[in-house]
Amino acid sequence: MAGQAWKYSGELDERDLAFLQHEYITIPMGIEYYGFSERPLTRMAKEAGAFYKVGKMTRIKRSVFDAYLRETRKIPRIGGKLCAKS
């Protein structure tokens, strides 16, 4: 949603706004927000080219990962949140 949060402004809550403030997110943040478990989240972040590791610190570039999900996973947005396919 990088730069396009205004399109969903009526559907965003405090949690979404706080999440959008981070360009790089941690694995636990991604698990909580996207609802994926650790291994699929890490695998998809690596496929997207959004996975960064420096020493023991791991980060996912949110804008790249969101673009990857929109392109390849075709996950619909319900209430401003990414949801699993039915």
PDB file of N, CA and C in Angstrom:
ATOM      1  N   MET A   1       0.819  -1.188   0.000  1.00  0.00           N
ATOM      2  CA  MET A   1       0.000   0.000   0.000  1.00  0.00           C
ATOM      3  C   MET A   1       0.868   1.258   0.000  1.00  0.00           C
ATOM      4  N   ALA A   2       2.134   1.106  -0.227  1.00  0.00           N
ATOM      5  CA  ALA A   2       3.063   2.216  -0.132  1.00  0.00           C
ATOM      6  C   ALA A   2       2.570   3.425  -0.916  1.00  0.00           C
ATOM      7  N   GLY A   3       2.300   4.505  -0.216  1.00  0.00           N
ATOM      8  CA  GLY A   3       1.858   5.732  -0.843  1.00  0.00           C
ATOM      9  C   GLY A   3       0.401   5.765  -1.241  1.00  0.00           C
ATOM     10  N   GLN A   4      -0.348   4.693  -0.971  1.00  0.00           N
ATOM     11  CA  GLN A   4      -1.740   4.649  -1.378  1.00  0.00           C
ATOM     12  C   GLN A   4      -2.689   4.371  -0.200  1.00  0.00           C
ATOM     13  N   ALA A   5      -2.231   4.631   0.998  1.00  0.00           N
ATOM     14  CA  ALA A   5      -3.062   4.383   2.180  1.00  0.00           C
ATOM     15  C   ALA A   5      -4.337   5.221   2.155  1.00  0.00           C
ATOM     16  N   TRP A   6      -4.292   6.347   1.483  1.00  0.00           N
ATOM     17  CA  TRP A   6      -5.474   7.215   1.430  1.00  0.00           C
ATOM     18  C   TRP A   6      -6.656   6.508   0.775  1.00  0.00           C
ATOM     19  N   LYS A   7      -6.404   5.542  -0.121  1.00  0.00           N
ATOM     20  CA  LYS A   7      -7.496   4.829  -0.782  1.00  0.00           C
ATOM     21  C   LYS A   7      -8.310   4.005   0.211  1.00  0.00           C
ATOM     22  N   TYR A   8      -7.657   3.602   1.290  1.00  0.00           N
ATOM     23  CA  TYR A   8      -8.311   2.752   2.290  1.00  0.00           C
ATOM     24  C   TYR A   8      -8.552   3.508   3.594  1.00  0.00           C
ATOM     25  N   SER A   9      -8.469   4.823   3.573  1.00  0.00           N
ATOM     26  CA  SER A   9      -8.528   5.606   4.803  1.00  0.00           C
ATOM     27  C   SER A   9      -9.789   5.366   5.607  1.00  0.00           C
ATOM     28  N   GLY A  10     -10.897   5.045   4.974  1.00  0.00           N
ATOM     29  CA  GLY A  10     -12.121   4.764   5.710  1.00  0.00           C
ATOM     30  C   GLY A  10     -12.109   3.398   6.367  1.00  0.00           C
ATOM     31  N   GLU A  11     -11.183   2.528   5.956  1.00  0.00           N
ATOM     32  CA  GLU A  11     -11.128   1.171   6.474  1.00  0.00           C
ATOM     33  C   GLU A  11      -9.955   0.930   7.414  1.00  0.00           C
ATOM     34  N   LEU A  12      -9.052   1.889   7.556  1.00  0.00           N
ATOM     35  CA  LEU A  12      -7.871   1.713   8.385  1.00  0.00           C
ATOM     36  C   LEU A  12      -8.194   1.965   9.848  1.00  0.00           C
ATOM     37  N   ASP A  13      -7.615   1.153  10.716  1.00  0.00           N
ATOM     38  CA  ASP A  13      -7.769   1.381  12.145  1.00  0.00           C
ATOM     39  C   ASP A  13      -6.401   1.752  12.728  1.00  0.00           C
ATOM     40  N   GLU A  14      -6.334   1.906  14.042  1.00  0.00           N
ATOM     41  CA  GLU A  14      -5.093   2.321  14.704  1.00  0.00           C
ATOM     42  C   GLU A  14      -3.958   1.331  14.426  1.00  0.00           C
ATOM     43  N   ARG A  15      -4.284   0.054  14.418  1.00  0.00           N
ATOM     44  CA  ARG A  15      -3.276  -0.981  14.194  1.00  0.00           C
ATOM     45  C   ARG A  15      -2.680  -0.854  12.790  1.00  0.00           C
ATOM     46  N   ASP A  16      -3.511  -0.614  11.789  1.00  0.00           N
ATOM     47  CA  ASP A  16      -3.025  -0.455  10.419  1.00  0.00           C
ATOM     48  C   ASP A  16      -2.137   0.778  10.297  1.00  0.00           C
ATOM     49  N   LEU A  17      -2.548   1.871  10.898  1.00  0.00           N
ATOM     50  CA  LEU A  17      -1.768   3.106  10.811  1.00  0.00           C
ATOM     51  C   LEU A  17      -0.411   2.948  11.485  1.00  0.00           C
ATOM     52  N   ALA A  18      -0.386   2.261  12.628  1.00  0.00           N
ATOM     53  CA  ALA A  18       0.885   2.022  13.313  1.00  0.00           C
ATOM     54  C   ALA A  18       1.786   1.131  12.459  1.00  0.00           C
ATOM     55  N   PHE A  19       1.198   0.136  11.806  1.00  0.00           N
ATOM     56  CA  PHE A  19       1.962  -0.782  10.965  1.00  0.00           C
ATOM     57  C   PHE A  19       2.534  -0.064   9.745  1.00  0.00           C
ATOM     58  N   LEU A  20       1.774   0.853   9.164  1.00  0.00           N
ATOM     59  CA  LEU A  20       2.216   1.576   7.969  1.00  0.00           C
ATOM     60  C   LEU A  20       3.396   2.506   8.245  1.00  0.00           C
ATOM     61  N   GLN A  21       3.641   2.831   9.506  1.00  0.00           N
ATOM     62  CA  GLN A  21       4.750   3.720   9.855  1.00  0.00           C
ATOM     63  C   GLN A  21       6.103   3.025   9.745  1.00  0.00           C
ATOM     64  N   HIS A  22       6.103   1.698   9.669  1.00  0.00           N
ATOM     65  CA  HIS A  22       7.350   0.936   9.619  1.00  0.00           C
ATOM     66  C   HIS A  22       7.666   0.545   8.175  1.00  0.00           C
ATOM     67  N   GLU A  23       8.836   0.923   7.709  1.00  0.00           N
ATOM     68  CA  GLU A  23       9.268   0.504   6.375  1.00  0.00           C
ATOM     69  C   GLU A  23       9.820  -0.917   6.437  1.00  0.00           C
ATOM     70  N   TYR A  24      10.500  -1.245   7.530  1.00  0.00           N
ATOM     71  CA  TYR A  24      11.020  -2.591   7.746  1.00  0.00           C
ATOM     72  C   TYR A  24      10.339  -3.163   8.980  1.00  0.00           C
ATOM     73  N   ILE A  25       9.869  -4.407   8.865  1.00  0.00           N
ATOM     74  CA  ILE A  25       9.177  -5.039   9.984  1.00  0.00           C
ATOM     75  C   ILE A  25       9.941  -6.280  10.428  1.00  0.00           C
ATOM     76  N   THR A  26       9.716  -6.681  11.671  1.00  0.00           N
ATOM     77  CA  THR A  26      10.325  -7.894  12.191  1.00  0.00           C
ATOM     78  C   THR A  26       9.434  -9.090  11.849  1.00  0.00           C
ATOM     79  N   ILE A  27       9.981 -10.281  12.025  1.00  0.00           N
ATOM     80  CA  ILE A  27       9.207 -11.498  11.771  1.00  0.00           C
ATOM     81  C   ILE A  27       7.967 -11.547  12.681  1.00  0.00           C
ATOM     82  N   PRO A  28       8.107 -11.305  14.001  1.00  0.00           N
ATOM     83  CA  PRO A  28       6.899 -11.332  14.857  1.00  0.00           C
ATOM     84  C   PRO A  28       5.832 -10.312  14.447  1.00  0.00           C
ATOM     85  N   MET A  29       6.253  -9.138  13.995  1.00  0.00           N
ATOM     86  CA  MET A  29       5.290  -8.133  13.524  1.00  0.00           C
ATOM     87  C   MET A  29       4.555  -8.647  12.296  1.00  0.00           C
ATOM     88  N   GLY A  30       5.285  -9.272  11.371  1.00  0.00           N
ATOM     89  CA  GLY A  30       4.683  -9.818  10.162  1.00  0.00           C
ATOM     90  C   GLY A  30       3.721 -10.951  10.460  1.00  0.00           C
ATOM     91  N   ILE A  31       4.090 -11.812  11.406  1.00  0.00           N
ATOM     92  CA  ILE A  31       3.224 -12.926  11.798  1.00  0.00           C
ATOM     93  C   ILE A  31       1.916 -12.390  12.355  1.00  0.00           C
ATOM     94  N   GLU A  32       2.014 -11.397  13.221  1.00  0.00           N
ATOM     95  CA  GLU A  32       0.809 -10.831  13.842  1.00  0.00           C
ATOM     96  C   GLU A  32      -0.080 -10.127  12.824  1.00  0.00           C
ATOM     97  N   TYR A  33       0.511  -9.334  11.935  1.00  0.00           N
ATOM     98  CA  TYR A  33      -0.288  -8.534  11.015  1.00  0.00           C
ATOM     99  C   TYR A  33      -0.859  -9.345   9.856  1.00  0.00           C
ATOM    100  N   TYR A  34      -0.008 -10.154   9.215  1.00  0.00           N
ATOM    101  CA  TYR A  34      -0.444 -10.878   8.028  1.00  0.00           C
ATOM    102  C   TYR A  34      -1.146 -12.191   8.344  1.00  0.00           C
ATOM    103  N   GLY A  35      -0.878 -12.749   9.517  1.00  0.00           N
ATOM    104  CA  GLY A  35      -1.537 -13.988   9.913  1.00  0.00           C
ATOM    105  C   GLY A  35      -0.877 -15.245   9.352  1.00  0.00           C
ATOM    106  N   PHE A  36       0.327 -15.120   8.808  1.00  0.00           N
ATOM    107  CA  PHE A  36       1.072 -16.281   8.328  1.00  0.00           C
ATOM    108  C   PHE A  36       1.924 -16.807   9.478  1.00  0.00           C
ATOM    109  N   SER A  37       2.296 -18.086   9.423  1.00  0.00           N
ATOM    110  CA  SER A  37       3.245 -18.597  10.410  1.00  0.00           C
ATOM    111  C   SER A  37       4.659 -18.225   9.958  1.00  0.00           C
ATOM    112  N   GLU A  38       5.643 -18.508  10.791  1.00  0.00           N
ATOM    113  CA  GLU A  38       7.000 -18.013  10.550  1.00  0.00           C
ATOM    114  C   GLU A  38       7.626 -18.537   9.255  1.00  0.00           C
ATOM    115  N   ARG A  39       7.550 -19.815   9.017  1.00  0.00           N
ATOM    116  CA  ARG A  39       8.207 -20.370   7.826  1.00  0.00           C
ATOM    117  C   ARG A  39       7.602 -19.864   6.519  1.00  0.00           C
ATOM    118  N   PRO A  40       6.268 -19.883   6.357  1.00  0.00           N
ATOM    119  CA  PRO A  40       5.722 -19.332   5.109  1.00  0.00           C
ATOM    120  C   PRO A  40       6.019 -17.839   4.938  1.00  0.00           C
ATOM    121  N   LEU A  41       5.966 -17.081   6.029  1.00  0.00           N
ATOM    122  CA  LEU A  41       6.264 -15.649   5.953  1.00  0.00           C
ATOM    123  C   LEU A  41       7.700 -15.433   5.492  1.00  0.00           C
ATOM    124  N   THR A  42       8.636 -16.164   6.084  1.00  0.00           N
ATOM    125  CA  THR A  42      10.044 -16.042   5.716  1.00  0.00           C
ATOM    126  C   THR A  42      10.267 -16.480   4.268  1.00  0.00           C
ATOM    127  N   ARG A  43       9.654 -17.587   3.859  1.00  0.00           N
ATOM    128  CA  ARG A  43       9.804 -18.090   2.494  1.00  0.00           C
ATOM    129  C   ARG A  43       9.284 -17.074   1.476  1.00  0.00           C
ATOM    130  N   MET A  44       8.091 -16.527   1.739  1.00  0.00           N
ATOM    131  CA  MET A  44       7.525 -15.554   0.804  1.00  0.00           C
ATOM    132  C   MET A  44       8.340 -14.270   0.772  1.00  0.00           C
ATOM    133  N   ALA A  45       8.862 -13.836   1.926  1.00  0.00           N
ATOM    134  CA  ALA A  45       9.687 -12.622   1.965  1.00  0.00           C
ATOM    135  C   ALA A  45      10.965 -12.821   1.158  1.00  0.00           C
ATOM    136  N   LYS A  46      11.542 -14.023   1.239  1.00  0.00           N
ATOM    137  CA  LYS A  46      12.741 -14.308   0.444  1.00  0.00           C
ATOM    138  C   LYS A  46      12.417 -14.344  -1.041  1.00  0.00           C
ATOM    139  N   GLU A  47      11.285 -14.946  -1.404  1.00  0.00           N
ATOM    140  CA  GLU A  47      10.867 -14.984  -2.810  1.00  0.00           C
ATOM    141  C   GLU A  47      10.648 -13.574  -3.353  1.00  0.00           C
ATOM    142  N   ALA A  48      10.127 -12.690  -2.494  1.00  0.00           N
ATOM    143  CA  ALA A  48       9.840 -11.320  -2.904  1.00  0.00           C
ATOM    144  C   ALA A  48      11.088 -10.456  -2.973  1.00  0.00           C
ATOM    145  N   GLY A  49      12.181 -10.927  -2.389  1.00  0.00           N
ATOM    146  CA  GLY A  49      13.391 -10.111  -2.326  1.00  0.00           C
ATOM    147  C   GLY A  49      13.293  -9.053  -1.249  1.00  0.00           C
ATOM    148  N   ALA A  50      12.450  -9.303  -0.245  1.00  0.00           N
ATOM    149  CA  ALA A  50      12.208  -8.335   0.813  1.00  0.00           C
ATOM    150  C   ALA A  50      12.818  -8.754   2.144  1.00  0.00           C
ATOM    151  N   PHE A  51      13.566  -9.842   2.178  1.00  0.00           N
ATOM    152  CA  PHE A  51      14.123 -10.393   3.410  1.00  0.00           C
ATOM    153  C   PHE A  51      15.552  -9.912   3.592  1.00  0.00           C
ATOM    154  N   TYR A  52      15.830  -9.310   4.744  1.00  0.00           N
ATOM    155  CA  TYR A  52      17.166  -8.807   5.050  1.00  0.00           C
ATOM    156  C   TYR A  52      17.606  -9.369   6.388  1.00  0.00           C
ATOM    157  N   LYS A  53      18.862  -9.837   6.446  1.00  0.00           N
ATOM    158  CA  LYS A  53      19.408 -10.368   7.680  1.00  0.00           C
ATOM    159  C   LYS A  53      20.798  -9.791   7.890  1.00  0.00           C
ATOM    160  N   VAL A  54      20.990  -9.188   9.064  1.00  0.00           N
ATOM    161  CA  VAL A  54      22.289  -8.654   9.453  1.00  0.00           C
ATOM    162  C   VAL A  54      22.606  -9.271  10.807  1.00  0.00           C
ATOM    163  N   GLY A  55      23.552 -10.184  10.819  1.00  0.00           N
ATOM    164  CA  GLY A  55      23.843 -10.912  12.054  1.00  0.00           C
ATOM    165  C   GLY A  55      22.621 -11.725  12.452  1.00  0.00           C
ATOM    166  N   LYS A  56      22.121 -11.483  13.650  1.00  0.00           N
ATOM    167  CA  LYS A  56      20.928 -12.188  14.124  1.00  0.00           C
ATOM    168  C   LYS A  56      19.648 -11.390  13.868  1.00  0.00           C
ATOM    169  N   MET A  57      19.791 -10.168  13.399  1.00  0.00           N
ATOM    170  CA  MET A  57      18.637  -9.303  13.175  1.00  0.00           C
ATOM    171  C   MET A  57      18.040  -9.571  11.789  1.00  0.00           C
ATOM    172  N   THR A  58      16.735  -9.864  11.749  1.00  0.00           N
ATOM    173  CA  THR A  58      16.059 -10.069  10.465  1.00  0.00           C
ATOM    174  C   THR A  58      14.972  -9.021  10.294  1.00  0.00           C
ATOM    175  N   ARG A  59      14.830  -8.548   9.082  1.00  0.00           N
ATOM    176  CA  ARG A  59      13.805  -7.567   8.760  1.00  0.00           C
ATOM    177  C   ARG A  59      13.198  -7.898   7.408  1.00  0.00           C
ATOM    178  N   ILE A  60      11.949  -7.468   7.230  1.00  0.00           N
ATOM    179  CA  ILE A  60      11.249  -7.612   5.958  1.00  0.00           C
ATOM    180  C   ILE A  60      10.863  -6.214   5.509  1.00  0.00           C
ATOM    181  N   LYS A  61      11.200  -5.882   4.262  1.00  0.00           N
ATOM    182  CA  LYS A  61      10.825  -4.568   3.730  1.00  0.00           C
ATOM    183  C   LYS A  61       9.348  -4.634   3.367  1.00  0.00           C
ATOM    184  N   ARG A  62       8.533  -3.918   4.114  1.00  0.00           N
ATOM    185  CA  ARG A  62       7.076  -3.998   4.029  1.00  0.00           C
ATOM    186  C   ARG A  62       6.547  -3.643   2.650  1.00  0.00           C
ATOM    187  N   SER A  63       7.034  -2.588   2.046  1.00  0.00           N
ATOM    188  CA  SER A  63       6.499  -2.149   0.748  1.00  0.00           C
ATOM    189  C   SER A  63       6.744  -3.200  -0.339  1.00  0.00           C
ATOM    190  N   VAL A  64       7.915  -3.812  -0.335  1.00  0.00           N
ATOM    191  CA  VAL A  64       8.232  -4.840  -1.327  1.00  0.00           C
ATOM    192  C   VAL A  64       7.386  -6.082  -1.069  1.00  0.00           C
ATOM    193  N   PHE A  65       7.243  -6.464   0.194  1.00  0.00           N
ATOM    194  CA  PHE A  65       6.467  -7.650   0.541  1.00  0.00           C
ATOM    195  C   PHE A  65       4.990  -7.454   0.209  1.00  0.00           C
ATOM    196  N   ASP A  66       4.441  -6.287   0.506  1.00  0.00           N
ATOM    197  CA  ASP A  66       3.040  -6.002   0.168  1.00  0.00           C
ATOM    198  C   ASP A  66       2.816  -6.064  -1.350  1.00  0.00           C
ATOM    199  N   ALA A  67       3.753  -5.508  -2.111  1.00  0.00           N
ATOM    200  CA  ALA A  67       3.635  -5.555  -3.570  1.00  0.00           C
ATOM    201  C   ALA A  67       3.671  -6.994  -4.065  1.00  0.00           C
ATOM    202  N   TYR A  68       4.535  -7.804  -3.471  1.00  0.00           N
ATOM    203  CA  TYR A  68       4.618  -9.223  -3.837  1.00  0.00           C
ATOM    204  C   TYR A  68       3.299  -9.928  -3.549  1.00  0.00           C
ATOM    205  N   LEU A  69       2.712  -9.675  -2.386  1.00  0.00           N
ATOM    206  CA  LEU A  69       1.437 -10.311  -2.044  1.00  0.00           C
ATOM    207  C   LEU A  69       0.337  -9.894  -3.003  1.00  0.00           C
ATOM    208  N   ARG A  70       0.301  -8.614  -3.339  1.00  0.00           N
ATOM    209  CA  ARG A  70      -0.724  -8.145  -4.272  1.00  0.00           C
ATOM    210  C   ARG A  70      -0.551  -8.767  -5.655  1.00  0.00           C
ATOM    211  N   GLU A  71       0.699  -8.935  -6.096  1.00  0.00           N
ATOM    212  CA  GLU A  71       0.978  -9.469  -7.432  1.00  0.00           C
ATOM    213  C   GLU A  71       0.767 -10.975  -7.528  1.00  0.00           C
ATOM    214  N   THR A  72       1.365 -11.716  -6.623  1.00  0.00           N
ATOM    215  CA  THR A  72       1.408 -13.170  -6.781  1.00  0.00           C
ATOM    216  C   THR A  72       0.359 -13.924  -5.995  1.00  0.00           C
ATOM    217  N   ARG A  73       0.012 -13.449  -4.850  1.00  0.00           N
ATOM    218  CA  ARG A  73      -0.894 -14.209  -3.990  1.00  0.00           C
ATOM    219  C   ARG A  73      -2.351 -13.868  -4.244  1.00  0.00           C
ATOM    220  N   LYS A  74      -2.618 -12.715  -4.816  1.00  0.00           N
ATOM    221  CA  LYS A  74      -3.989 -12.284  -5.102  1.00  0.00           C
ATOM    222  C   LYS A  74      -4.884 -12.389  -3.863  1.00  0.00           C
ATOM    223  N   ILE A  75      -4.368 -11.884  -2.751  1.00  0.00           N
ATOM    224  CA  ILE A  75      -5.105 -11.952  -1.489  1.00  0.00           C
ATOM    225  C   ILE A  75      -6.024 -10.739  -1.389  1.00  0.00           C
ATOM    226  N   PRO A  76      -7.317 -10.938  -1.195  1.00  0.00           N
ATOM    227  CA  PRO A  76      -8.251  -9.819  -1.109  1.00  0.00           C
ATOM    228  C   PRO A  76      -8.078  -9.038   0.184  1.00  0.00           C
ATOM    229  N   ARG A  77      -8.472  -7.794   0.152  1.00  0.00           N
ATOM    230  CA  ARG A  77      -8.431  -6.951   1.347  1.00  0.00           C
ATOM    231  C   ARG A  77      -9.840  -6.873   1.922  1.00  0.00           C
ATOM    232  N   ILE A  78      -9.962  -7.186   3.181  1.00  0.00           N
ATOM    233  CA  ILE A  78     -11.243  -7.097   3.875  1.00  0.00           C
ATOM    234  C   ILE A  78     -11.018  -6.236   5.112  1.00  0.00           C
ATOM    235  N   GLY A  79     -11.688  -5.133   5.186  1.00  0.00           N
ATOM    236  CA  GLY A  79     -11.541  -4.252   6.331  1.00  0.00           C
ATOM    237  C   GLY A  79     -10.143  -3.673   6.454  1.00  0.00           C
ATOM    238  N   GLY A  80      -9.450  -3.516   5.322  1.00  0.00           N
ATOM    239  CA  GLY A  80      -8.121  -2.909   5.354  1.00  0.00           C
ATOM    240  C   GLY A  80      -7.011  -3.874   5.714  1.00  0.00           C
ATOM    241  N   LYS A  81      -7.329  -5.163   5.903  1.00  0.00           N
ATOM    242  CA  LYS A  81      -6.318  -6.146   6.283  1.00  0.00           C
ATOM    243  C   LYS A  81      -6.217  -7.216   5.203  1.00  0.00           C
ATOM    244  N   LEU A  82      -5.029  -7.774   5.067  1.00  0.00           N
ATOM    245  CA  LEU A  82      -4.848  -8.875   4.136  1.00  0.00           C
ATOM    246  C   LEU A  82      -5.473 -10.123   4.739  1.00  0.00           C
ATOM    247  N   CYS A  83      -6.206 -10.851   3.950  1.00  0.00           N
ATOM    248  CA  CYS A  83      -6.876 -12.050   4.422  1.00  0.00           C
ATOM    249  C   CYS A  83      -6.500 -13.226   3.538  1.00  0.00           C
ATOM    250  N   ALA A  84      -6.535 -14.402   4.112  1.00  0.00           N
ATOM    251  CA  ALA A  84      -6.218 -15.615   3.342  1.00  0.00           C
ATOM    252  C   ALA A  84      -7.303 -15.889   2.331  1.00  0.00           C
ATOM    253  N   LYS A  85      -6.921 -16.528   1.237  1.00  0.00           N
ATOM    254  CA  LYS A  85      -7.906 -16.903   0.220  1.00  0.00           C
ATOM    255  C   LYS A  85      -8.858 -17.935   0.786  1.00  0.00           C
ATOM    256  N   SER A  86     -10.076 -17.895   0.337  1.00  0.00           N
ATOM    257  CA  SER A  86     -11.067 -18.887   0.766  1.00  0.00           C
ATOM    258  C   SER A  86     -11.097 -20.031  -0.201  1.00  0.00           C
TER     259      SER A  86
END
